[in-house]
Amino acid sequence: MSKNVIVKLVGLLLLLPGMAMAHTGHHGATGFLQGFSHPMGGLDHLLAMLAVGLWASQLGGRALWAVPCTFVAVMMFGSVLGLSAIHIPFIETGILVSILVLGTLIAGAFKVPAVYSVATVALFALFHGHAHGAEMHINNSAIAYIVGFSLATAILHVAGMGLGVVMNKINLEKVNRFAGVAIVISGLFLAV
């Protein structure tokens, strides 16, 4: 798949309505346990978090840790923006596009330079974090909520990385690529 085709695909995906729908907009999320369960409970977040880990394992080298660590750090920043009611457009669409793009990168085994890999996940993390933050109350348990979803996200990244590393070690890289296809198909399912 050429760069031009990927750019056009992403452009078309941005035109889709925000349909990932893991976010209720109820602004009532509080505490560590609710924060921890949020990434585990929404298929959109679960797919994206595992995809970040799988892609990092494909990239290897410094990206193995730089990609997931960047995601968690920027996601926390995005949650503060959401909590502060700072508007970012296309949040749900951005979350959906993150699943589709990450799945495509895994399926195609694209070796993207580290700086672009980090920038890609940083953008997607901003959307995911903002969605988390927009559901929080400003109170004492907001920090516990942020810690909860950050820890769950890190665990899902490590799970994806572990799966990817094991598959690479036993020469089953095609399984990683198939997982990328499955992530894209799941993302398309969420879109409809």
N, C-alpha and C. Protein backbone atom coordinates (compact mmCIF):
# COMPACT_ATOMS: atom_id res chain seq x y z
N MET A 1 0.84 -1.17 0.00
CA MET A 1 0.00 0.00 0.00
C MET A 1 0.90 1.24 0.00
N SER A 2 0.69 2.13 -0.93
CA SER A 2 1.53 3.31 -1.02
C SER A 2 1.11 4.36 -0.01
N LYS A 3 2.03 5.31 0.24
CA LYS A 3 1.73 6.40 1.16
C LYS A 3 0.52 7.18 0.71
N ASN A 4 0.42 7.41 -0.60
CA ASN A 4 -0.67 8.19 -1.16
C ASN A 4 -2.02 7.53 -0.88
N VAL A 5 -2.09 6.21 -1.01
CA VAL A 5 -3.33 5.49 -0.74
C VAL A 5 -3.70 5.59 0.72
N ILE A 6 -2.71 5.47 1.60
CA ILE A 6 -2.96 5.57 3.04
C ILE A 6 -3.48 6.96 3.40
N VAL A 7 -2.88 8.00 2.84
CA VAL A 7 -3.32 9.37 3.11
C VAL A 7 -4.77 9.56 2.66
N LYS A 8 -5.12 9.04 1.49
CA LYS A 8 -6.49 9.16 0.99
C LYS A 8 -7.46 8.38 1.88
N LEU A 9 -7.05 7.18 2.32
CA LEU A 9 -7.91 6.38 3.20
C LEU A 9 -8.17 7.10 4.51
N VAL A 10 -7.13 7.65 5.11
CA VAL A 10 -7.29 8.39 6.36
C VAL A 10 -8.20 9.60 6.13
N GLY A 11 -8.02 10.30 5.02
CA GLY A 11 -8.88 11.44 4.71
C GLY A 11 -10.35 11.05 4.62
N LEU A 12 -10.62 9.92 3.96
CA LEU A 12 -12.00 9.44 3.88
C LEU A 12 -12.55 9.04 5.24
N LEU A 13 -11.72 8.43 6.05
CA LEU A 13 -12.17 8.01 7.38
C LEU A 13 -12.52 9.20 8.26
N LEU A 14 -11.84 10.31 8.06
CA LEU A 14 -12.16 11.51 8.84
C LEU A 14 -13.56 12.04 8.54
N LEU A 15 -14.09 11.64 7.40
CA LEU A 15 -15.43 12.08 7.03
C LEU A 15 -16.52 11.25 7.69
N LEU A 16 -16.14 10.10 8.27
CA LEU A 16 -17.12 9.25 8.94
C LEU A 16 -17.62 9.93 10.20
N PRO A 17 -18.85 9.68 10.57
CA PRO A 17 -19.33 10.24 11.83
C PRO A 17 -18.63 9.55 13.00
N GLY A 18 -18.60 10.21 14.15
CA GLY A 18 -17.97 9.63 15.33
C GLY A 18 -18.80 8.48 15.86
N MET A 19 -18.37 7.26 15.53
CA MET A 19 -19.19 6.12 15.87
C MET A 19 -18.51 5.09 16.77
N ALA A 20 -17.37 5.41 17.33
CA ALA A 20 -16.73 4.41 18.17
C ALA A 20 -17.56 4.16 19.42
N MET A 21 -18.21 5.17 19.94
CA MET A 21 -19.23 5.09 20.96
C MET A 21 -18.88 4.39 22.27
N ALA A 22 -17.65 4.45 22.68
CA ALA A 22 -17.34 3.93 24.01
C ALA A 22 -17.64 5.00 25.05
N HIS A 23 -17.94 6.20 24.60
CA HIS A 23 -18.06 7.32 25.51
C HIS A 23 -19.49 7.80 25.58
N THR A 24 -19.97 7.82 26.80
CA THR A 24 -21.37 8.19 27.00
C THR A 24 -21.55 9.68 27.13
N GLY A 25 -20.48 10.39 27.49
CA GLY A 25 -20.60 11.82 27.69
C GLY A 25 -21.30 12.16 28.98
N HIS A 26 -21.41 11.20 29.90
CA HIS A 26 -22.16 11.43 31.13
C HIS A 26 -21.39 12.21 32.18
N HIS A 27 -20.14 12.44 31.98
CA HIS A 27 -19.33 13.27 32.88
C HIS A 27 -19.43 12.81 34.33
N GLY A 28 -19.48 11.53 34.57
CA GLY A 28 -19.61 11.05 35.94
C GLY A 28 -18.53 10.09 36.35
N ALA A 29 -17.52 9.91 35.55
CA ALA A 29 -16.49 8.93 35.87
C ALA A 29 -15.60 9.45 36.99
N THR A 30 -15.40 8.62 38.00
CA THR A 30 -14.53 8.99 39.11
C THR A 30 -13.83 7.75 39.64
N GLY A 31 -12.72 7.95 40.29
CA GLY A 31 -12.04 6.90 41.01
C GLY A 31 -11.17 5.97 40.18
N PHE A 32 -10.27 5.29 40.90
CA PHE A 32 -9.30 4.40 40.29
C PHE A 32 -9.97 3.25 39.54
N LEU A 33 -10.92 2.58 40.17
CA LEU A 33 -11.52 1.39 39.54
C LEU A 33 -12.28 1.73 38.27
N GLN A 34 -13.01 2.83 38.26
CA GLN A 34 -13.69 3.22 37.03
C GLN A 34 -12.67 3.59 35.95
N GLY A 35 -11.61 4.27 36.34
CA GLY A 35 -10.56 4.61 35.39
C GLY A 35 -9.89 3.36 34.83
N PHE A 36 -9.59 2.41 35.71
CA PHE A 36 -8.94 1.18 35.28
C PHE A 36 -9.83 0.36 34.35
N SER A 37 -11.11 0.33 34.63
CA SER A 37 -12.02 -0.50 33.82
C SER A 37 -12.38 0.14 32.48
N HIS A 38 -12.23 1.44 32.35
CA HIS A 38 -12.66 2.10 31.11
C HIS A 38 -11.97 1.57 29.86
N PRO A 39 -10.63 1.51 29.81
CA PRO A 39 -9.99 0.98 28.59
C PRO A 39 -10.31 -0.50 28.35
N MET A 40 -10.60 -1.22 29.42
CA MET A 40 -10.90 -2.65 29.28
C MET A 40 -12.33 -2.87 28.79
N GLY A 41 -13.22 -1.91 29.07
CA GLY A 41 -14.63 -2.09 28.80
C GLY A 41 -15.09 -1.63 27.44
N GLY A 42 -14.33 -0.80 26.77
CA GLY A 42 -14.73 -0.31 25.46
C GLY A 42 -13.91 -0.98 24.37
N LEU A 43 -14.58 -1.60 23.42
CA LEU A 43 -13.88 -2.32 22.36
C LEU A 43 -12.94 -1.39 21.60
N ASP A 44 -13.33 -0.15 21.41
CA ASP A 44 -12.47 0.79 20.68
C ASP A 44 -11.14 1.00 21.40
N HIS A 45 -11.20 1.20 22.70
CA HIS A 45 -9.97 1.40 23.46
C HIS A 45 -9.15 0.11 23.53
N LEU A 46 -9.81 -0.98 23.78
CA LEU A 46 -9.12 -2.27 23.88
C LEU A 46 -8.33 -2.58 22.61
N LEU A 47 -8.99 -2.41 21.46
CA LEU A 47 -8.32 -2.66 20.18
C LEU A 47 -7.13 -1.72 19.96
N ALA A 48 -7.34 -0.45 20.23
CA ALA A 48 -6.27 0.53 20.00
C ALA A 48 -5.08 0.28 20.93
N MET A 49 -5.34 -0.04 22.19
CA MET A 49 -4.25 -0.24 23.14
C MET A 49 -3.43 -1.48 22.78
N LEU A 50 -4.11 -2.57 22.43
CA LEU A 50 -3.39 -3.77 22.00
C LEU A 50 -2.62 -3.50 20.71
N ALA A 51 -3.23 -2.73 19.80
CA ALA A 51 -2.58 -2.41 18.53
C ALA A 51 -1.29 -1.62 18.75
N VAL A 52 -1.30 -0.69 19.68
CA VAL A 52 -0.08 0.08 19.97
C VAL A 52 1.04 -0.87 20.38
N GLY A 53 0.73 -1.82 21.25
CA GLY A 53 1.74 -2.78 21.69
C GLY A 53 2.22 -3.69 20.57
N LEU A 54 1.29 -4.18 19.76
CA LEU A 54 1.67 -5.04 18.63
C LEU A 54 2.55 -4.29 17.63
N TRP A 55 2.15 -3.06 17.31
CA TRP A 55 2.94 -2.28 16.35
C TRP A 55 4.33 -1.98 16.90
N ALA A 56 4.41 -1.65 18.20
CA ALA A 56 5.70 -1.38 18.82
C ALA A 56 6.61 -2.61 18.72
N SER A 57 6.02 -3.80 18.89
CA SER A 57 6.83 -5.03 18.80
C SER A 57 7.32 -5.26 17.37
N GLN A 58 6.52 -4.86 16.39
CA GLN A 58 6.96 -4.98 14.99
C GLN A 58 8.09 -4.00 14.69
N LEU A 59 7.98 -2.80 15.24
CA LEU A 59 8.99 -1.78 14.97
C LEU A 59 10.31 -2.12 15.65
N GLY A 60 10.22 -2.65 16.87
CA GLY A 60 11.41 -3.05 17.60
C GLY A 60 12.31 -1.88 17.95
N GLY A 61 13.51 -2.18 18.40
CA GLY A 61 14.48 -1.14 18.77
C GLY A 61 13.93 -0.20 19.82
N ARG A 62 14.27 1.06 19.69
CA ARG A 62 13.81 2.08 20.64
C ARG A 62 12.29 2.24 20.63
N ALA A 63 11.68 1.99 19.49
CA ALA A 63 10.23 2.14 19.37
C ALA A 63 9.48 1.17 20.26
N LEU A 64 10.11 0.05 20.61
CA LEU A 64 9.43 -0.94 21.45
C LEU A 64 8.91 -0.31 22.73
N TRP A 65 9.68 0.58 23.32
CA TRP A 65 9.21 1.26 24.53
C TRP A 65 8.80 2.70 24.28
N ALA A 66 9.40 3.37 23.30
CA ALA A 66 9.08 4.77 23.05
C ALA A 66 7.63 4.95 22.60
N VAL A 67 7.15 4.05 21.75
CA VAL A 67 5.77 4.18 21.23
C VAL A 67 4.74 4.05 22.35
N PRO A 68 4.74 2.96 23.14
CA PRO A 68 3.73 2.86 24.19
C PRO A 68 3.89 3.89 25.30
N CYS A 69 5.12 4.22 25.67
CA CYS A 69 5.31 5.22 26.72
C CYS A 69 4.81 6.59 26.28
N THR A 70 5.06 6.93 25.02
CA THR A 70 4.54 8.19 24.48
C THR A 70 3.03 8.19 24.52
N PHE A 71 2.43 7.07 24.12
CA PHE A 71 0.97 6.99 24.12
C PHE A 71 0.42 7.29 25.51
N VAL A 72 0.95 6.63 26.53
CA VAL A 72 0.44 6.82 27.89
C VAL A 72 0.63 8.27 28.35
N ALA A 73 1.81 8.84 28.11
CA ALA A 73 2.08 10.21 28.55
C ALA A 73 1.15 11.21 27.86
N VAL A 74 1.00 11.11 26.55
CA VAL A 74 0.15 12.06 25.82
C VAL A 74 -1.32 11.82 26.15
N MET A 75 -1.71 10.58 26.39
CA MET A 75 -3.08 10.28 26.78
C MET A 75 -3.41 10.98 28.11
N MET A 76 -2.47 10.96 29.05
CA MET A 76 -2.69 11.65 30.33
C MET A 76 -2.85 13.15 30.11
N PHE A 77 -2.02 13.72 29.24
CA PHE A 77 -2.14 15.14 28.90
C PHE A 77 -3.50 15.42 28.27
N GLY A 78 -3.91 14.56 27.33
CA GLY A 78 -5.22 14.73 26.69
C GLY A 78 -6.37 14.65 27.68
N SER A 79 -6.22 13.82 28.70
CA SER A 79 -7.29 13.70 29.70
C SER A 79 -7.44 15.00 30.49
N VAL A 80 -6.33 15.68 30.74
CA VAL A 80 -6.39 16.96 31.43
C VAL A 80 -7.09 17.99 30.54
N LEU A 81 -6.84 17.95 29.24
CA LEU A 81 -7.56 18.86 28.32
C LEU A 81 -9.06 18.57 28.35
N GLY A 82 -9.42 17.29 28.31
CA GLY A 82 -10.83 16.92 28.36
C GLY A 82 -11.48 17.32 29.67
N LEU A 83 -10.79 17.09 30.76
CA LEU A 83 -11.28 17.46 32.09
C LEU A 83 -11.48 18.97 32.19
N SER A 84 -10.60 19.71 31.53
CA SER A 84 -10.67 21.18 31.55
C SER A 84 -11.67 21.73 30.55
N ALA A 85 -12.39 20.85 29.86
CA ALA A 85 -13.39 21.24 28.86
C ALA A 85 -12.79 22.01 27.69
N ILE A 86 -11.54 21.72 27.36
CA ILE A 86 -10.91 22.30 26.18
C ILE A 86 -11.31 21.44 25.00
N HIS A 87 -11.99 22.06 24.05
CA HIS A 87 -12.57 21.32 22.93
C HIS A 87 -11.50 20.91 21.91
N ILE A 88 -11.57 19.66 21.52
CA ILE A 88 -10.78 19.13 20.40
C ILE A 88 -11.80 18.48 19.46
N PRO A 89 -11.82 18.88 18.20
CA PRO A 89 -12.82 18.31 17.29
C PRO A 89 -12.52 16.85 16.91
N PHE A 90 -13.55 16.16 16.50
CA PHE A 90 -13.46 14.81 15.95
C PHE A 90 -12.86 13.77 16.90
N ILE A 91 -13.19 13.85 18.18
CA ILE A 91 -12.62 12.92 19.15
C ILE A 91 -13.00 11.48 18.81
N GLU A 92 -14.28 11.19 18.67
CA GLU A 92 -14.71 9.82 18.39
C GLU A 92 -14.20 9.34 17.03
N THR A 93 -14.20 10.22 16.06
CA THR A 93 -13.67 9.86 14.75
C THR A 93 -12.17 9.57 14.85
N GLY A 94 -11.46 10.38 15.62
CA GLY A 94 -10.03 10.16 15.82
C GLY A 94 -9.74 8.82 16.48
N ILE A 95 -10.59 8.43 17.43
CA ILE A 95 -10.43 7.14 18.09
C ILE A 95 -10.65 6.02 17.08
N LEU A 96 -11.68 6.14 16.29
CA LEU A 96 -11.96 5.13 15.27
C LEU A 96 -10.83 5.06 14.25
N VAL A 97 -10.36 6.19 13.80
CA VAL A 97 -9.25 6.23 12.82
C VAL A 97 -8.00 5.61 13.44
N SER A 98 -7.79 5.79 14.73
CA SER A 98 -6.62 5.20 15.37
C SER A 98 -6.64 3.68 15.24
N ILE A 99 -7.79 3.08 15.41
CA ILE A 99 -7.92 1.62 15.28
C ILE A 99 -7.62 1.19 13.85
N LEU A 100 -8.20 1.89 12.90
CA LEU A 100 -8.02 1.52 11.50
C LEU A 100 -6.59 1.73 11.02
N VAL A 101 -5.98 2.85 11.39
CA VAL A 101 -4.62 3.13 10.96
C VAL A 101 -3.63 2.19 11.64
N LEU A 102 -3.75 2.02 12.94
CA LEU A 102 -2.83 1.11 13.64
C LEU A 102 -2.97 -0.32 13.12
N GLY A 103 -4.21 -0.76 12.90
CA GLY A 103 -4.41 -2.09 12.34
C GLY A 103 -3.78 -2.23 10.97
N THR A 104 -3.90 -1.19 10.15
CA THR A 104 -3.31 -1.20 8.80
C THR A 104 -1.78 -1.23 8.88
N LEU A 105 -1.22 -0.45 9.80
CA LEU A 105 0.23 -0.44 9.95
C LEU A 105 0.76 -1.82 10.38
N ILE A 106 0.00 -2.49 11.24
CA ILE A 106 0.39 -3.83 11.69
C ILE A 106 0.23 -4.83 10.54
N ALA A 107 -0.91 -4.78 9.87
CA ALA A 107 -1.19 -5.73 8.78
C ALA A 107 -0.16 -5.59 7.66
N GLY A 108 0.25 -4.38 7.37
CA GLY A 108 1.24 -4.15 6.31
C GLY A 108 2.67 -4.24 6.79
N ALA A 109 2.86 -4.46 8.10
CA ALA A 109 4.19 -4.52 8.70
C ALA A 109 5.04 -3.32 8.28
N PHE A 110 4.42 -2.14 8.31
CA PHE A 110 5.11 -0.92 7.91
C PHE A 110 6.18 -0.56 8.93
N LYS A 111 7.38 -0.36 8.48
CA LYS A 111 8.50 0.07 9.32
C LYS A 111 8.62 1.58 9.20
N VAL A 112 8.00 2.27 10.11
CA VAL A 112 7.98 3.73 10.11
C VAL A 112 9.10 4.21 11.02
N PRO A 113 9.87 5.23 10.61
CA PRO A 113 10.92 5.76 11.48
C PRO A 113 10.36 6.14 12.86
N ALA A 114 11.17 6.00 13.87
CA ALA A 114 10.73 6.19 15.26
C ALA A 114 10.05 7.53 15.49
N VAL A 115 10.59 8.60 14.92
CA VAL A 115 9.99 9.92 15.16
C VAL A 115 8.55 9.98 14.63
N TYR A 116 8.29 9.37 13.49
CA TYR A 116 6.93 9.36 12.93
C TYR A 116 6.02 8.39 13.68
N SER A 117 6.59 7.30 14.15
CA SER A 117 5.81 6.35 14.94
C SER A 117 5.33 7.00 16.23
N VAL A 118 6.25 7.70 16.89
CA VAL A 118 5.92 8.38 18.13
C VAL A 118 4.89 9.48 17.87
N ALA A 119 5.06 10.23 16.80
CA ALA A 119 4.11 11.30 16.46
C ALA A 119 2.73 10.73 16.16
N THR A 120 2.68 9.60 15.48
CA THR A 120 1.40 8.97 15.14
C THR A 120 0.65 8.57 16.39
N VAL A 121 1.33 7.86 17.29
CA VAL A 121 0.63 7.43 18.50
C VAL A 121 0.32 8.60 19.42
N ALA A 122 1.15 9.64 19.39
CA ALA A 122 0.86 10.83 20.21
C ALA A 122 -0.45 11.47 19.77
N LEU A 123 -0.66 11.58 18.48
CA LEU A 123 -1.91 12.16 17.98
C LEU A 123 -3.11 11.31 18.43
N PHE A 124 -3.00 10.00 18.26
CA PHE A 124 -4.10 9.13 18.64
C PHE A 124 -4.32 9.13 20.15
N ALA A 125 -3.25 9.21 20.92
CA ALA A 125 -3.35 9.24 22.37
C ALA A 125 -4.09 10.49 22.85
N LEU A 126 -3.89 11.59 22.14
CA LEU A 126 -4.59 12.82 22.49
C LEU A 126 -6.10 12.62 22.40
N PHE A 127 -6.56 11.96 21.35
CA PHE A 127 -8.00 11.68 21.21
C PHE A 127 -8.49 10.76 22.32
N HIS A 128 -7.77 9.67 22.56
CA HIS A 128 -8.18 8.72 23.59
C HIS A 128 -8.18 9.38 24.96
N GLY A 129 -7.15 10.13 25.27
CA GLY A 129 -7.06 10.80 26.57
C GLY A 129 -8.15 11.84 26.76
N HIS A 130 -8.41 12.62 25.72
CA HIS A 130 -9.46 13.64 25.81
C HIS A 130 -10.80 12.99 26.11
N ALA A 131 -11.08 11.87 25.46
CA ALA A 131 -12.34 11.17 25.70
C ALA A 131 -12.45 10.73 27.15
N HIS A 132 -11.35 10.22 27.71
CA HIS A 132 -11.36 9.83 29.12
C HIS A 132 -11.60 11.05 30.01
N GLY A 133 -10.87 12.11 29.76
CA GLY A 133 -10.96 13.30 30.60
C GLY A 133 -12.30 13.98 30.54
N ALA A 134 -12.95 13.95 29.39
CA ALA A 134 -14.25 14.61 29.24
C ALA A 134 -15.32 13.92 30.08
N GLU A 135 -15.07 12.70 30.51
CA GLU A 135 -16.05 11.97 31.31
C GLU A 135 -15.81 12.10 32.81
N MET A 136 -14.78 12.84 33.20
CA MET A 136 -14.45 12.96 34.61
C MET A 136 -15.10 14.17 35.26
N HIS A 137 -15.30 14.05 36.56
CA HIS A 137 -15.67 15.20 37.39
C HIS A 137 -14.38 15.84 37.89
N ILE A 138 -14.40 17.14 38.06
CA ILE A 138 -13.25 17.79 38.68
C ILE A 138 -13.43 17.64 40.19
N ASN A 139 -12.70 16.69 40.76
CA ASN A 139 -12.73 16.47 42.20
C ASN A 139 -11.47 15.70 42.59
N ASN A 140 -11.42 15.30 43.84
CA ASN A 140 -10.23 14.62 44.36
C ASN A 140 -9.96 13.29 43.69
N SER A 141 -10.99 12.63 43.18
CA SER A 141 -10.77 11.31 42.60
C SER A 141 -10.39 11.37 41.12
N ALA A 142 -10.30 12.56 40.55
CA ALA A 142 -9.90 12.67 39.14
C ALA A 142 -8.49 12.13 38.93
N ILE A 143 -7.60 12.39 39.87
CA ILE A 143 -6.23 11.88 39.75
C ILE A 143 -6.24 10.36 39.81
N ALA A 144 -7.03 9.80 40.71
CA ALA A 144 -7.13 8.33 40.81
C ALA A 144 -7.68 7.75 39.51
N TYR A 145 -8.64 8.43 38.90
CA TYR A 145 -9.22 7.97 37.62
C TYR A 145 -8.15 7.97 36.53
N ILE A 146 -7.36 9.04 36.46
CA ILE A 146 -6.29 9.13 35.46
C ILE A 146 -5.26 8.03 35.69
N VAL A 147 -4.88 7.81 36.94
CA VAL A 147 -3.92 6.74 37.25
C VAL A 147 -4.51 5.39 36.84
N GLY A 148 -5.79 5.18 37.10
CA GLY A 148 -6.44 3.92 36.76
C GLY A 148 -6.44 3.63 35.27
N PHE A 149 -6.89 4.59 34.45
CA PHE A 149 -6.91 4.29 33.01
C PHE A 149 -5.52 4.28 32.41
N SER A 150 -4.58 5.01 33.01
CA SER A 150 -3.20 4.98 32.51
C SER A 150 -2.56 3.62 32.79
N LEU A 151 -2.80 3.08 33.97
CA LEU A 151 -2.26 1.76 34.31
C LEU A 151 -2.87 0.68 33.42
N ALA A 152 -4.19 0.73 33.23
CA ALA A 152 -4.85 -0.25 32.36
C ALA A 152 -4.33 -0.16 30.94
N THR A 153 -4.13 1.05 30.46
CA THR A 153 -3.59 1.26 29.12
C THR A 153 -2.20 0.66 29.00
N ALA A 154 -1.35 0.91 29.99
CA ALA A 154 0.01 0.37 29.98
C ALA A 154 -0.02 -1.16 29.99
N ILE A 155 -0.92 -1.74 30.76
CA ILE A 155 -1.03 -3.20 30.81
C ILE A 155 -1.44 -3.75 29.44
N LEU A 156 -2.40 -3.10 28.79
CA LEU A 156 -2.82 -3.54 27.46
C LEU A 156 -1.70 -3.38 26.44
N HIS A 157 -0.92 -2.30 26.54
CA HIS A 157 0.22 -2.12 25.65
C HIS A 157 1.23 -3.26 25.85
N VAL A 158 1.53 -3.56 27.10
CA VAL A 158 2.50 -4.63 27.39
C VAL A 158 1.97 -5.98 26.90
N ALA A 159 0.66 -6.20 27.03
CA ALA A 159 0.07 -7.45 26.52
C ALA A 159 0.27 -7.55 25.01
N GLY A 160 0.00 -6.46 24.29
CA GLY A 160 0.20 -6.44 22.84
C GLY A 160 1.67 -6.61 22.48
N MET A 161 2.55 -5.94 23.23
CA MET A 161 3.98 -6.08 22.98
C MET A 161 4.43 -7.51 23.23
N GLY A 162 3.99 -8.09 24.33
CA GLY A 162 4.37 -9.46 24.67
C GLY A 162 3.94 -10.44 23.61
N LEU A 163 2.69 -10.30 23.17
CA LEU A 163 2.18 -11.17 22.11
C LEU A 163 3.02 -11.01 20.85
N GLY A 164 3.30 -9.78 20.48
CA GLY A 164 4.09 -9.52 19.27
C GLY A 164 5.50 -10.05 19.37
N VAL A 165 6.14 -9.84 20.50
CA VAL A 165 7.52 -10.31 20.68
C VAL A 165 7.57 -11.84 20.62
N VAL A 166 6.62 -12.50 21.28
CA VAL A 166 6.59 -13.97 21.26
C VAL A 166 6.39 -14.47 19.82
N MET A 167 5.45 -13.86 19.11
CA MET A 167 5.20 -14.29 17.73
C MET A 167 6.43 -14.07 16.85
N ASN A 168 7.14 -12.98 17.07
CA ASN A 168 8.36 -12.72 16.30
C ASN A 168 9.45 -13.75 16.62
N LYS A 169 9.57 -14.10 17.89
CA LYS A 169 10.62 -15.06 18.30
C LYS A 169 10.38 -16.46 17.75
N ILE A 170 9.12 -16.83 17.60
CA ILE A 170 8.85 -18.19 17.08
C ILE A 170 8.48 -18.16 15.60
N ASN A 171 8.93 -17.09 14.95
CA ASN A 171 8.77 -16.94 13.49
C ASN A 171 7.32 -17.02 13.02
N LEU A 172 6.44 -16.37 13.76
CA LEU A 172 5.03 -16.30 13.36
C LEU A 172 4.63 -14.84 13.12
N GLU A 173 5.50 -14.11 12.41
CA GLU A 173 5.21 -12.70 12.13
C GLU A 173 3.89 -12.54 11.38
N LYS A 174 3.53 -13.55 10.60
CA LYS A 174 2.26 -13.48 9.86
C LYS A 174 1.06 -13.43 10.79
N VAL A 175 1.19 -14.01 11.98
CA VAL A 175 0.11 -13.96 12.96
C VAL A 175 -0.09 -12.51 13.40
N ASN A 176 1.01 -11.78 13.62
CA ASN A 176 0.91 -10.36 13.95
C ASN A 176 0.18 -9.61 12.85
N ARG A 177 0.54 -9.90 11.61
CA ARG A 177 -0.09 -9.21 10.48
C ARG A 177 -1.57 -9.56 10.39
N PHE A 178 -1.91 -10.82 10.66
CA PHE A 178 -3.31 -11.23 10.68
C PHE A 178 -4.06 -10.49 11.79
N ALA A 179 -3.39 -10.31 12.94
CA ALA A 179 -4.01 -9.55 14.03
C ALA A 179 -4.32 -8.13 13.58
N GLY A 180 -3.42 -7.55 12.79
CA GLY A 180 -3.68 -6.21 12.25
C GLY A 180 -4.91 -6.18 11.38
N VAL A 181 -5.08 -7.21 10.54
CA VAL A 181 -6.27 -7.31 9.69
C VAL A 181 -7.52 -7.43 10.58
N ALA A 182 -7.44 -8.25 11.61
CA ALA A 182 -8.57 -8.43 12.52
C ALA A 182 -8.93 -7.11 13.22
N ILE A 183 -7.92 -6.33 13.57
CA ILE A 183 -8.15 -5.03 14.20
C ILE A 183 -8.86 -4.09 13.23
N VAL A 184 -8.41 -4.07 11.97
CA VAL A 184 -9.06 -3.22 10.96
C VAL A 184 -10.51 -3.64 10.77
N ILE A 185 -10.76 -4.93 10.64
CA ILE A 185 -12.13 -5.42 10.45
C ILE A 185 -13.00 -5.05 11.65
N SER A 186 -12.46 -5.19 12.84
CA SER A 186 -13.20 -4.80 14.05
C SER A 186 -13.49 -3.31 14.05
N GLY A 187 -12.50 -2.52 13.63
CA GLY A 187 -12.71 -1.07 13.54
C GLY A 187 -13.79 -0.71 12.54
N LEU A 188 -13.81 -1.41 11.41
CA LEU A 188 -14.88 -1.18 10.42
C LEU A 188 -16.23 -1.56 10.98
N PHE A 189 -16.27 -2.63 11.75
CA PHE A 189 -17.51 -3.03 12.42
C PHE A 189 -18.00 -1.93 13.35
N LEU A 190 -17.08 -1.31 14.10
CA LEU A 190 -17.46 -0.22 15.00
C LEU A 190 -17.99 0.99 14.22
N ALA A 191 -17.50 1.15 12.99
CA ALA A 191 -17.91 2.30 12.18
C ALA A 191 -19.33 2.17 11.66
N VAL A 192 -19.81 0.94 11.57
CA VAL A 192 -21.18 0.74 11.07
C VAL A 192 -22.06 0.25 12.14
